Structures are given as structure tokens and as C-alpha cells.
Amino acid sequence: ANAHWPAAARREREAAGRPVLTFNRTNTFVNQVVNPIRQADKAIKARIDDDETDPTLAKVVDGLLRKIQRQSMSEAVYGHILDCQAGCGIGWLRICNDYRTDTSFDQDIFIEKVDNPLSVGWDPASRDPVRSDAMWKFVTEMMPLGTFRARWPDAAEESADDPRPADVSDTGLSWNTGNDIRVVEYYKKVQTTRTIARLAGGKSKDITDLPSEVVAGLPIETTRKVKTHRVEKYMVSGAEVLEGPSEVPGSYIPLVPALGGEVALDNGASRSCVLCLA
């Protein structure tokens, strides 16, 4: 993407008036991998996995999934994360919910792409292939200062101190450039404990928040404690918390990766450091 020249070599050539050209040969090989997948059916589908569930329920859920993907223009989202997965080893999508209209209380689910896959960070202790066990994740972006002021008029514009040496200026990891300020969408899991009851007939029910008189009237056979999580979302700058915490529906952080190959960099002693390969 016109950026494979080392910074020192680029400066030297520009100072000498020499051209700094980029011939990106990688796209040819990326397209050979991605284009056949783009043509395949990548829609999420619902199927029953036992002999007890009503097949009609799977059809209803399947219809809801088709609606979510249609209103999210999911073909474009899936195509983008495929390009990222094949091109740089990782792509990300975000699951979000929003009000249907400005005058409605009904909400819809949407699938969104994360434009820059390298803007996402996650818990290095996670083991799951799609990082569903990560205890925190974040997405960072540079926001124009005017947009920042309009959204958070009372927020401080100064940001975190920059620990880099003065001669390191082209890493792209600054908090404030004067015209733009970095904003981070941060998610974390908070552990909670729920009480689950098994009722006569074999059904399970969450009785954690039920009044005691309601619990007393249930045909409970046994109970158990379950450790689960709720998810909190924050918007932060380098100086302060701008928004949050706000609770996110569900118990998983709604950022999902599409990973290429992974190679452990520490001989398997831990998974704290891995290299994603296209």
C-alpha cells in the first residue's frame, strides 16, 4: 500500500530527488485466494442439532439471520475481512445493535466491518480461535479534532504523554497530531455469578433476579451457581473516559476476527505472543 520502503531509505531517496516507487505484486496472489471464496455462499445459517427442537424454530431463526445479513450488506463486510485475512493475516468484524429509527424503541442487530484490522487489540491470554475468551478488546482510530469537539465538547483535548524519542515520528501510533486525536472503543468482561435451577421435566431456568416468592412457587429439583460475564463498553481518549461504562447485550465482546495462520513466537511456552501470517 505504497508503504514498503523503510523510512530512512525513503528520506534518503526523496532528498536526492530519486523516485520512490511501489509495485504491489501481493494483490495478484491475494485475489487468487479471495475471489473463489467471494463467489461462494458465505451466509450464516441456523440448523437444529438434536431430535427435540422443532424444525420450524430453525426456519424462523434462519429468517432472522438472513434479515440481519441483508440489512448489514454482509457481502461487502465478509469480502473486506477476507481481503484483510489473506492480505495481512487478520480481519475483524463488529456485531452491534441500534435503534431501527429515530422515533422507535425497537432495535436491530447489524454486522459491521472494522476498516483497519491492525487497529484492534485484544487480551493476549485468550486461547479460542475466534478470541471469544478474551477478557478485553479495543478498537482505536484517529478522529478529526472538529468531530471530537462536537461529540465531546467538555472533554480535554490534551492526551497521554508520548513516550517515544523525539526522532521517532513515523510509527503512526501517536495520541494527538494537532489535527486529529486518538479515540479508543474499549470493551471488557466483568465476571458475575448466576443461579440456575433445573425444573421438573428437565428444563433449566435462570432464577438469579426472580423474587423469592416466585422462586418458591417453581418446581425446582436442584440449583447450581454459574460463573459468567457481562460486557462493559467505554469510549476513552489518552486523557480520560469519554463515555461509559455502558452494558453490551450478551456475555461476549462483539468483535470477531478472521485469522490467517498463526505461529507461536515463544516456542509454545505460552500464547502471549503470536504472529499472524497471511
C-alpha atoms as a PDB file:
ATOM      1  CA  ALA A   1       0.000   0.000   0.000  1.00  0.00           C
ATOM      2  CA  ASN A   2       2.755   2.422  -1.040  1.00  0.00           C
ATOM      3  CA  ALA A   3       4.489   1.982   2.288  1.00  0.00           C
ATOM      4  CA  HIS A   4       7.035  -0.810   1.954  1.00  0.00           C
ATOM      5  CA  TRP A   5      10.054   1.500   1.842  1.00  0.00           C
ATOM      6  CA  PRO A   6      11.928   1.858   5.151  1.00  0.00           C
ATOM      7  CA  ALA A   7      11.599   5.419   6.460  1.00  0.00           C
ATOM      8  CA  ALA A   8      15.330   6.102   6.291  1.00  0.00           C
ATOM      9  CA  ALA A   9      15.601   4.874   2.701  1.00  0.00           C
ATOM     10  CA  ARG A  10      12.556   6.918   1.684  1.00  0.00           C
ATOM     11  CA  ARG A  11      14.013  10.112   3.182  1.00  0.00           C
ATOM     12  CA  GLU A  12      17.376   9.490   1.518  1.00  0.00           C
ATOM     13  CA  ARG A  13      15.842   8.963  -1.924  1.00  0.00           C
ATOM     14  CA  GLU A  14      13.493  11.942  -1.598  1.00  0.00           C
ATOM     15  CA  ALA A  15      16.374  14.189  -0.520  1.00  0.00           C
ATOM     16  CA  ALA A  16      18.342  13.077  -3.581  1.00  0.00           C
ATOM     17  CA  GLY A  17      15.370  13.615  -5.886  1.00  0.00           C
ATOM     18  CA  ARG A  18      15.148   9.915  -6.709  1.00  0.00           C
ATOM     19  CA  PRO A  19      11.780   8.190  -7.258  1.00  0.00           C
ATOM     20  CA  VAL A  20      10.182   6.090  -4.523  1.00  0.00           C
ATOM     21  CA  LEU A  21       8.026   3.658  -6.459  1.00  0.00           C
ATOM     22  CA  THR A  22       5.794   0.835  -5.261  1.00  0.00           C
ATOM     23  CA  PHE A  23       4.876  -2.179  -7.392  1.00  0.00           C
ATOM     24  CA  ASN A  24       2.416  -4.150  -5.309  1.00  0.00           C
ATOM     25  CA  ARG A  25       2.624  -7.733  -6.548  1.00  0.00           C
ATOM     26  CA  THR A  26       0.853  -9.134  -3.480  1.00  0.00           C
ATOM     27  CA  ASN A  27      -2.654  -8.226  -4.707  1.00  0.00           C
ATOM     28  CA  THR A  28      -2.439 -10.792  -7.503  1.00  0.00           C
ATOM     29  CA  PHE A  29      -1.921 -13.649  -5.060  1.00  0.00           C
ATOM     30  CA  VAL A  30      -4.452 -12.286  -2.556  1.00  0.00           C
ATOM     31  CA  ASN A  31      -7.113 -12.152  -5.281  1.00  0.00           C
ATOM     32  CA  GLN A  32      -6.344 -15.748  -6.301  1.00  0.00           C
ATOM     33  CA  VAL A  33      -7.259 -16.809  -2.762  1.00  0.00           C
ATOM     34  CA  VAL A  34     -10.131 -14.417  -2.089  1.00  0.00           C
ATOM     35  CA  ASN A  35     -12.118 -14.335  -5.351  1.00  0.00           C
ATOM     36  CA  PRO A  36     -13.281 -18.001  -5.288  1.00  0.00           C
ATOM     37  CA  ILE A  37     -14.409 -17.534  -1.674  1.00  0.00           C
ATOM     38  CA  ARG A  38     -16.288 -14.344  -2.593  1.00  0.00           C
ATOM     39  CA  GLN A  39     -18.281 -16.338  -5.135  1.00  0.00           C
ATOM     40  CA  ALA A  40     -19.246 -18.995  -2.581  1.00  0.00           C
ATOM     41  CA  ASP A  41     -22.281 -18.815  -0.300  1.00  0.00           C
ATOM     42  CA  LYS A  42     -20.977 -17.352   2.969  1.00  0.00           C
ATOM     43  CA  ALA A  43     -24.326 -16.681   4.652  1.00  0.00           C
ATOM     44  CA  ILE A  44     -24.786 -17.669   8.306  1.00  0.00           C
ATOM     45  CA  LYS A  45     -27.410 -20.396   8.608  1.00  0.00           C
ATOM     46  CA  ALA A  46     -29.300 -21.990  11.509  1.00  0.00           C
ATOM     47  CA  ARG A  47     -29.697 -25.761  11.775  1.00  0.00           C
ATOM     48  CA  ILE A  48     -31.073 -27.944  14.544  1.00  0.00           C
ATOM     49  CA  ASP A  49     -28.549 -30.276  16.199  1.00  0.00           C
ATOM     50  CA  ASP A  50     -30.837 -32.609  18.144  1.00  0.00           C
ATOM     51  CA  ASP A  51     -34.044 -34.609  17.756  1.00  0.00           C
ATOM     52  CA  GLU A  52     -36.134 -32.477  20.128  1.00  0.00           C
ATOM     53  CA  THR A  53     -36.058 -28.981  18.607  1.00  0.00           C
ATOM     54  CA  ASP A  54     -38.962 -28.021  16.364  1.00  0.00           C
ATOM     55  CA  PRO A  55     -37.638 -27.629  12.779  1.00  0.00           C
ATOM     56  CA  THR A  56     -39.907 -24.612  12.421  1.00  0.00           C
ATOM     57  CA  LEU A  57     -37.802 -22.791  15.028  1.00  0.00           C
ATOM     58  CA  ALA A  58     -34.669 -23.260  12.919  1.00  0.00           C
ATOM     59  CA  LYS A  59     -36.501 -21.778   9.919  1.00  0.00           C
ATOM     60  CA  VAL A  60     -37.564 -18.750  11.977  1.00  0.00           C
ATOM     61  CA  VAL A  61     -34.027 -18.179  13.267  1.00  0.00           C
ATOM     62  CA  ASP A  62     -32.660 -18.690   9.760  1.00  0.00           C
ATOM     63  CA  GLY A  63     -35.022 -15.986   8.502  1.00  0.00           C
ATOM     64  CA  LEU A  64     -33.844 -13.595  11.225  1.00  0.00           C
ATOM     65  CA  LEU A  65     -30.208 -14.282  10.315  1.00  0.00           C
ATOM     66  CA  ARG A  66     -30.927 -13.564   6.648  1.00  0.00           C
ATOM     67  CA  LYS A  67     -32.577 -10.266   7.629  1.00  0.00           C
ATOM     68  CA  ILE A  68     -29.597  -9.247   9.783  1.00  0.00           C
ATOM     69  CA  GLN A  69     -27.160 -10.024   6.986  1.00  0.00           C
ATOM     70  CA  ARG A  70     -29.266  -8.330   4.313  1.00  0.00           C
ATOM     71  CA  GLN A  71     -29.676  -5.074   6.246  1.00  0.00           C
ATOM     72  CA  SER A  72     -25.954  -5.147   7.105  1.00  0.00           C
ATOM     73  CA  MET A  73     -24.863  -5.606   3.447  1.00  0.00           C
ATOM     74  CA  SER A  74     -22.901  -8.554   4.762  1.00  0.00           C
ATOM     75  CA  GLU A  75     -21.408  -9.500   1.381  1.00  0.00           C
ATOM     76  CA  ALA A  76     -19.314  -6.321   1.489  1.00  0.00           C
ATOM     77  CA  VAL A  77     -18.377  -6.954   5.138  1.00  0.00           C
ATOM     78  CA  TYR A  78     -17.331 -10.560   4.508  1.00  0.00           C
ATOM     79  CA  GLY A  79     -15.414  -9.535   1.395  1.00  0.00           C
ATOM     80  CA  HIS A  80     -13.476  -6.924   3.353  1.00  0.00           C
ATOM     81  CA  ILE A  81     -12.427  -9.277   6.143  1.00  0.00           C
ATOM     82  CA  LEU A  82     -11.413 -11.897   3.549  1.00  0.00           C
ATOM     83  CA  ASP A  83      -9.144  -9.335   1.876  1.00  0.00           C
ATOM     84  CA  CYS A  84      -7.624  -8.486   5.260  1.00  0.00           C
ATOM     85  CA  GLN A  85      -7.276 -12.123   6.290  1.00  0.00           C
ATOM     86  CA  ALA A  86      -5.459 -13.077   3.085  1.00  0.00           C
ATOM     87  CA  GLY A  87      -3.531  -9.825   2.760  1.00  0.00           C
ATOM     88  CA  CYS A  88      -2.187  -9.244   6.266  1.00  0.00           C
ATOM     89  CA  GLY A  89      -3.204 -12.320   8.258  1.00  0.00           C
ATOM     90  CA  ILE A  90      -6.214 -10.981  10.163  1.00  0.00           C
ATOM     91  CA  GLY A  91      -9.567  -9.278   9.590  1.00  0.00           C
ATOM     92  CA  TRP A  92     -12.218  -8.109  12.058  1.00  0.00           C
ATOM     93  CA  LEU A  93     -15.975  -7.555  12.107  1.00  0.00           C
ATOM     94  CA  ARG A  94     -18.153  -5.963  14.759  1.00  0.00           C
ATOM     95  CA  ILE A  95     -21.629  -7.055  15.934  1.00  0.00           C
ATOM     96  CA  CYS A  96     -23.697  -4.094  17.113  1.00  0.00           C
ATOM     97  CA  ASN A  97     -27.278  -3.124  17.842  1.00  0.00           C
ATOM     98  CA  ASP A  98     -29.015   0.169  17.129  1.00  0.00           C
ATOM     99  CA  TYR A  99     -32.491   1.668  17.137  1.00  0.00           C
ATOM    100  CA  ARG A 100     -34.449   0.990  13.972  1.00  0.00           C
ATOM    101  CA  THR A 101     -35.440   4.657  13.531  1.00  0.00           C
ATOM    102  CA  ASP A 102     -35.052   7.893  15.462  1.00  0.00           C
ATOM    103  CA  THR A 103     -38.641   7.565  16.739  1.00  0.00           C
ATOM    104  CA  SER A 104     -38.609   3.862  17.642  1.00  0.00           C
ATOM    105  CA  PHE A 105     -37.662   1.817  20.678  1.00  0.00           C
ATOM    106  CA  ASP A 106     -37.177  -1.315  18.554  1.00  0.00           C
ATOM    107  CA  GLN A 107     -33.591  -2.298  17.879  1.00  0.00           C
ATOM    108  CA  ASP A 108     -31.948  -4.302  15.118  1.00  0.00           C
ATOM    109  CA  ILE A 109     -28.690  -6.261  15.003  1.00  0.00           C
ATOM    110  CA  PHE A 110     -26.036  -5.268  12.467  1.00  0.00           C
ATOM    111  CA  ILE A 111     -22.765  -6.748  11.228  1.00  0.00           C
ATOM    112  CA  GLU A 112     -20.126  -4.094  10.520  1.00  0.00           C
ATOM    113  CA  LYS A 113     -16.615  -4.249   9.151  1.00  0.00           C
ATOM    114  CA  VAL A 114     -13.609  -2.848  11.000  1.00  0.00           C
ATOM    115  CA  ASP A 115     -11.817  -0.849   8.319  1.00  0.00           C
ATOM    116  CA  ASN A 116      -8.304  -1.241   9.712  1.00  0.00           C
ATOM    117  CA  PRO A 117      -7.663  -4.738  11.114  1.00  0.00           C
ATOM    118  CA  LEU A 118      -4.445  -3.544  12.776  1.00  0.00           C
ATOM    119  CA  SER A 119      -6.419  -1.038  14.872  1.00  0.00           C
ATOM    120  CA  VAL A 120      -7.806  -3.857  17.057  1.00  0.00           C
ATOM    121  CA  GLY A 121      -6.060  -5.141  20.169  1.00  0.00           C
ATOM    122  CA  TRP A 122      -7.102  -7.998  22.440  1.00  0.00           C
ATOM    123  CA  ASP A 123      -6.251  -9.948  25.565  1.00  0.00           C
ATOM    124  CA  PRO A 124      -3.000 -11.860  24.814  1.00  0.00           C
ATOM    125  CA  ALA A 125      -4.051 -14.640  27.222  1.00  0.00           C
ATOM    126  CA  SER A 126      -7.015 -15.661  25.033  1.00  0.00           C
ATOM    127  CA  ARG A 127      -6.842 -19.160  23.522  1.00  0.00           C
ATOM    128  CA  ASP A 128     -10.026 -19.520  21.491  1.00  0.00           C
ATOM    129  CA  PRO A 129      -9.606 -19.479  17.669  1.00  0.00           C
ATOM    130  CA  VAL A 130     -12.018 -16.515  17.426  1.00  0.00           C
ATOM    131  CA  ARG A 131     -10.820 -14.925  20.696  1.00  0.00           C
ATOM    132  CA  SER A 132     -14.219 -15.334  22.362  1.00  0.00           C
ATOM    133  CA  ASP A 133     -12.461 -15.956  25.705  1.00  0.00           C
ATOM    134  CA  ALA A 134     -10.617 -12.609  25.626  1.00  0.00           C
ATOM    135  CA  MET A 135     -11.297 -10.554  28.742  1.00  0.00           C
ATOM    136  CA  TRP A 136     -10.817  -7.269  26.896  1.00  0.00           C
ATOM    137  CA  LYS A 137     -10.589  -5.917  23.364  1.00  0.00           C
ATOM    138  CA  PHE A 138     -10.342  -2.454  21.872  1.00  0.00           C
ATOM    139  CA  VAL A 139     -10.580  -0.607  18.546  1.00  0.00           C
ATOM    140  CA  THR A 140      -8.606   2.592  18.083  1.00  0.00           C
ATOM    141  CA  GLU A 141      -8.974   5.355  15.481  1.00  0.00           C
ATOM    142  CA  MET A 142      -7.754   8.866  14.806  1.00  0.00           C
ATOM    143  CA  MET A 143     -10.703  11.282  14.904  1.00  0.00           C
ATOM    144  CA  PRO A 144     -10.644  14.800  13.391  1.00  0.00           C
ATOM    145  CA  LEU A 145     -10.426  17.374  16.142  1.00  0.00           C
ATOM    146  CA  GLY A 146     -13.612  19.133  14.993  1.00  0.00           C
ATOM    147  CA  THR A 147     -15.586  15.889  15.187  1.00  0.00           C
ATOM    148  CA  PHE A 148     -14.113  15.175  18.622  1.00  0.00           C
ATOM    149  CA  ARG A 149     -15.135  18.621  19.914  1.00  0.00           C
ATOM    150  CA  ALA A 150     -18.665  18.270  18.545  1.00  0.00           C
ATOM    151  CA  ARG A 151     -19.201  14.873  20.163  1.00  0.00           C
ATOM    152  CA  TRP A 152     -17.478  15.584  23.487  1.00  0.00           C
ATOM    153  CA  PRO A 153     -17.450  19.381  23.927  1.00  0.00           C
ATOM    154  CA  ASP A 154     -16.306  19.218  27.565  1.00  0.00           C
ATOM    155  CA  ALA A 155     -13.537  16.652  27.040  1.00  0.00           C
ATOM    156  CA  ALA A 156      -9.865  17.517  27.476  1.00  0.00           C
ATOM    157  CA  GLU A 157      -8.021  17.792  24.179  1.00  0.00           C
ATOM    158  CA  GLU A 158      -4.604  17.128  25.649  1.00  0.00           C
ATOM    159  CA  SER A 159      -3.788  13.460  25.637  1.00  0.00           C
ATOM    160  CA  ALA A 160      -1.370  10.903  27.012  1.00  0.00           C
ATOM    161  CA  ASP A 161       2.281  11.824  27.149  1.00  0.00           C
ATOM    162  CA  ASP A 162       4.163  10.475  24.152  1.00  0.00           C
ATOM    163  CA  PRO A 163       6.981   8.236  25.470  1.00  0.00           C
ATOM    164  CA  ARG A 164       8.748   7.930  22.098  1.00  0.00           C
ATOM    165  CA  PRO A 165      12.098   9.595  21.412  1.00  0.00           C
ATOM    166  CA  ALA A 166      11.897  12.861  19.516  1.00  0.00           C
ATOM    167  CA  ASP A 167      13.499  11.349  16.409  1.00  0.00           C
ATOM    168  CA  VAL A 168      10.820   8.624  16.093  1.00  0.00           C
ATOM    169  CA  SER A 169       7.975  10.321  14.270  1.00  0.00           C
ATOM    170  CA  ASP A 170       6.620   7.953  11.641  1.00  0.00           C
ATOM    171  CA  THR A 171       5.325   4.932  13.581  1.00  0.00           C
ATOM    172  CA  GLY A 172       1.706   6.095  13.258  1.00  0.00           C
ATOM    173  CA  LEU A 173       0.988   5.458  16.945  1.00  0.00           C
ATOM    174  CA  SER A 174       0.569   8.986  18.305  1.00  0.00           C
ATOM    175  CA  TRP A 175      -2.310  10.060  20.564  1.00  0.00           C
ATOM    176  CA  ASN A 176      -2.639  13.615  19.233  1.00  0.00           C
ATOM    177  CA  THR A 177      -1.340  15.097  15.983  1.00  0.00           C
ATOM    178  CA  GLY A 178      -2.796  18.577  16.366  1.00  0.00           C
ATOM    179  CA  ASN A 179      -5.431  17.978  13.693  1.00  0.00           C
ATOM    180  CA  ASP A 180      -6.563  14.558  14.936  1.00  0.00           C
ATOM    181  CA  ILE A 181      -6.915  12.892  18.321  1.00  0.00           C
ATOM    182  CA  ARG A 182      -6.961   9.180  19.038  1.00  0.00           C
ATOM    183  CA  VAL A 183     -10.156   7.681  20.463  1.00  0.00           C
ATOM    184  CA  VAL A 184     -10.421   4.092  21.716  1.00  0.00           C
ATOM    185  CA  GLU A 185     -13.556   1.927  21.825  1.00  0.00           C
ATOM    186  CA  TYR A 186     -12.757  -0.357  24.764  1.00  0.00           C
ATOM    187  CA  TYR A 187     -14.630  -3.484  25.882  1.00  0.00           C
ATOM    188  CA  LYS A 188     -14.050  -5.545  28.998  1.00  0.00           C
ATOM    189  CA  LYS A 189     -15.715  -8.541  30.631  1.00  0.00           C
ATOM    190  CA  VAL A 190     -16.883  -8.296  34.239  1.00  0.00           C
ATOM    191  CA  GLN A 191     -17.361 -11.625  35.991  1.00  0.00           C
ATOM    192  CA  THR A 192     -20.779 -12.284  37.529  1.00  0.00           C
ATOM    193  CA  THR A 193     -22.402 -15.272  39.215  1.00  0.00           C
ATOM    194  CA  ARG A 194     -25.869 -16.530  38.246  1.00  0.00           C
ATOM    195  CA  THR A 195     -28.104 -19.140  39.882  1.00  0.00           C
ATOM    196  CA  ILE A 196     -29.558 -21.749  37.524  1.00  0.00           C
ATOM    197  CA  ALA A 197     -32.373 -24.073  38.528  1.00  0.00           C
ATOM    198  CA  ARG A 198     -33.411 -27.376  36.971  1.00  0.00           C
ATOM    199  CA  LEU A 199     -37.175 -27.661  36.974  1.00  0.00           C
ATOM    200  CA  ALA A 200     -39.341 -30.755  36.973  1.00  0.00           C
ATOM    201  CA  GLY A 201     -39.420 -32.004  33.412  1.00  0.00           C
ATOM    202  CA  GLY A 202     -35.754 -31.212  32.789  1.00  0.00           C
ATOM    203  CA  LYS A 203     -35.954 -27.567  31.753  1.00  0.00           C
ATOM    204  CA  SER A 204     -33.461 -25.019  33.123  1.00  0.00           C
ATOM    205  CA  LYS A 205     -34.274 -21.513  34.313  1.00  0.00           C
ATOM    206  CA  ASP A 206     -32.181 -18.564  35.480  1.00  0.00           C
ATOM    207  CA  ILE A 207     -33.625 -17.587  38.868  1.00  0.00           C
ATOM    208  CA  THR A 208     -30.976 -15.050  39.899  1.00  0.00           C
ATOM    209  CA  ASP A 209     -33.187 -11.974  39.659  1.00  0.00           C
ATOM    210  CA  LEU A 210     -36.551 -13.562  40.431  1.00  0.00           C
ATOM    211  CA  PRO A 211     -38.409 -12.563  43.620  1.00  0.00           C
ATOM    212  CA  SER A 212     -38.243 -15.148  46.403  1.00  0.00           C
ATOM    213  CA  GLU A 213     -41.988 -15.786  46.288  1.00  0.00           C
ATOM    214  CA  VAL A 214     -41.782 -16.619  42.582  1.00  0.00           C
ATOM    215  CA  VAL A 215     -38.838 -18.966  43.169  1.00  0.00           C
ATOM    216  CA  ALA A 216     -40.771 -20.690  45.974  1.00  0.00           C
ATOM    217  CA  GLY A 217     -43.589 -21.495  43.543  1.00  0.00           C
ATOM    218  CA  LEU A 218     -41.358 -23.139  40.947  1.00  0.00           C
ATOM    219  CA  PRO A 219     -40.977 -26.956  40.750  1.00  0.00           C
ATOM    220  CA  ILE A 220     -37.231 -26.807  41.370  1.00  0.00           C
ATOM    221  CA  GLU A 221     -35.290 -30.079  41.557  1.00  0.00           C
ATOM    222  CA  THR A 222     -31.804 -28.666  42.041  1.00  0.00           C
ATOM    223  CA  THR A 223     -29.792 -25.474  41.585  1.00  0.00           C
ATOM    224  CA  ARG A 224     -26.218 -24.558  40.791  1.00  0.00           C
ATOM    225  CA  LYS A 225     -24.057 -21.444  40.623  1.00  0.00           C
ATOM    226  CA  VAL A 226     -22.690 -20.430  37.214  1.00  0.00           C
ATOM    227  CA  LYS A 227     -19.826 -18.030  36.652  1.00  0.00           C
ATOM    228  CA  THR A 228     -20.452 -15.912  33.578  1.00  0.00           C
ATOM    229  CA  HIS A 229     -19.719 -12.391  32.383  1.00  0.00           C
ATOM    230  CA  ARG A 230     -21.336  -9.160  31.438  1.00  0.00           C
ATOM    231  CA  VAL A 231     -19.632  -6.876  28.930  1.00  0.00           C
ATOM    232  CA  GLU A 232     -18.978  -3.175  29.505  1.00  0.00           C
ATOM    233  CA  LYS A 233     -18.072  -0.656  26.815  1.00  0.00           C
ATOM    234  CA  TYR A 234     -16.112   2.567  27.227  1.00  0.00           C
ATOM    235  CA  MET A 235     -15.021   5.341  24.889  1.00  0.00           C
ATOM    236  CA  VAL A 236     -11.696   6.778  26.043  1.00  0.00           C
ATOM    237  CA  SER A 237      -9.032   9.184  24.906  1.00  0.00           C
ATOM    238  CA  GLY A 238      -5.474   9.227  26.135  1.00  0.00           C
ATOM    239  CA  ALA A 239      -6.540  11.560  28.936  1.00  0.00           C
ATOM    240  CA  GLU A 240      -9.939  10.418  30.232  1.00  0.00           C
ATOM    241  CA  VAL A 241     -13.035   8.247  29.911  1.00  0.00           C
ATOM    242  CA  LEU A 242     -15.350   9.963  27.423  1.00  0.00           C
ATOM    243  CA  GLU A 243     -18.337   7.615  27.717  1.00  0.00           C
ATOM    244  CA  GLY A 244     -19.267   4.611  29.794  1.00  0.00           C
ATOM    245  CA  PRO A 245     -19.450   2.172  31.192  1.00  0.00           C
ATOM    246  CA  SER A 246     -22.455   1.028  29.170  1.00  0.00           C
ATOM    247  CA  GLU A 247     -23.574  -2.595  29.200  1.00  0.00           C
ATOM    248  CA  VAL A 248     -23.408  -4.550  25.939  1.00  0.00           C
ATOM    249  CA  PRO A 249     -26.045  -7.264  25.321  1.00  0.00           C
ATOM    250  CA  GLY A 250     -24.739 -10.796  25.771  1.00  0.00           C
ATOM    251  CA  SER A 251     -21.690 -12.218  27.515  1.00  0.00           C
ATOM    252  CA  TYR A 252     -19.186 -11.995  24.627  1.00  0.00           C
ATOM    253  CA  ILE A 253     -17.249  -8.997  23.360  1.00  0.00           C
ATOM    254  CA  PRO A 254     -18.806  -8.250  19.929  1.00  0.00           C
ATOM    255  CA  LEU A 255     -15.553  -8.168  17.946  1.00  0.00           C
ATOM    256  CA  VAL A 256     -14.889 -11.273  15.847  1.00  0.00           C
ATOM    257  CA  PRO A 257     -11.624 -11.983  13.991  1.00  0.00           C
ATOM    258  CA  ALA A 258     -10.953 -13.926  10.814  1.00  0.00           C
ATOM    259  CA  LEU A 259      -7.416 -15.227  11.329  1.00  0.00           C
ATOM    260  CA  GLY A 260      -4.835 -16.479   8.896  1.00  0.00           C
ATOM    261  CA  GLY A 261      -2.112 -18.864  10.028  1.00  0.00           C
ATOM    262  CA  GLU A 262      -0.584 -18.373  13.463  1.00  0.00           C
ATOM    263  CA  VAL A 263       2.939 -19.151  14.635  1.00  0.00           C
ATOM    264  CA  ALA A 264       3.828 -19.018  18.346  1.00  0.00           C
ATOM    265  CA  LEU A 265       6.900 -16.834  18.850  1.00  0.00           C
ATOM    266  CA  ASP A 266       7.922 -18.235  22.238  1.00  0.00           C
ATOM    267  CA  ASN A 267       8.249 -21.978  21.459  1.00  0.00           C
ATOM    268  CA  GLY A 268       4.814 -22.786  22.818  1.00  0.00           C
ATOM    269  CA  ALA A 269       5.577 -21.803  26.410  1.00  0.00           C
ATOM    270  CA  SER A 270       2.545 -19.548  26.288  1.00  0.00           C
ATOM    271  CA  ARG A 271       0.265 -17.989  23.699  1.00  0.00           C
ATOM    272  CA  SER A 272       1.063 -14.473  24.825  1.00  0.00           C
ATOM    273  CA  CYS A 273       2.824 -13.647  21.564  1.00  0.00           C
ATOM    274  CA  VAL A 274       1.781 -14.990  18.176  1.00  0.00           C
ATOM    275  CA  LEU A 275       2.472 -13.967  14.602  1.00  0.00           C
ATOM    276  CA  CYS A 276      -0.497 -13.916  12.206  1.00  0.00           C
ATOM    277  CA  LEU A 277       0.501 -14.963   8.730  1.00  0.00           C
ATOM    278  CA  ALA A 278      -1.372 -14.378   5.501  1.00  0.00           C
END
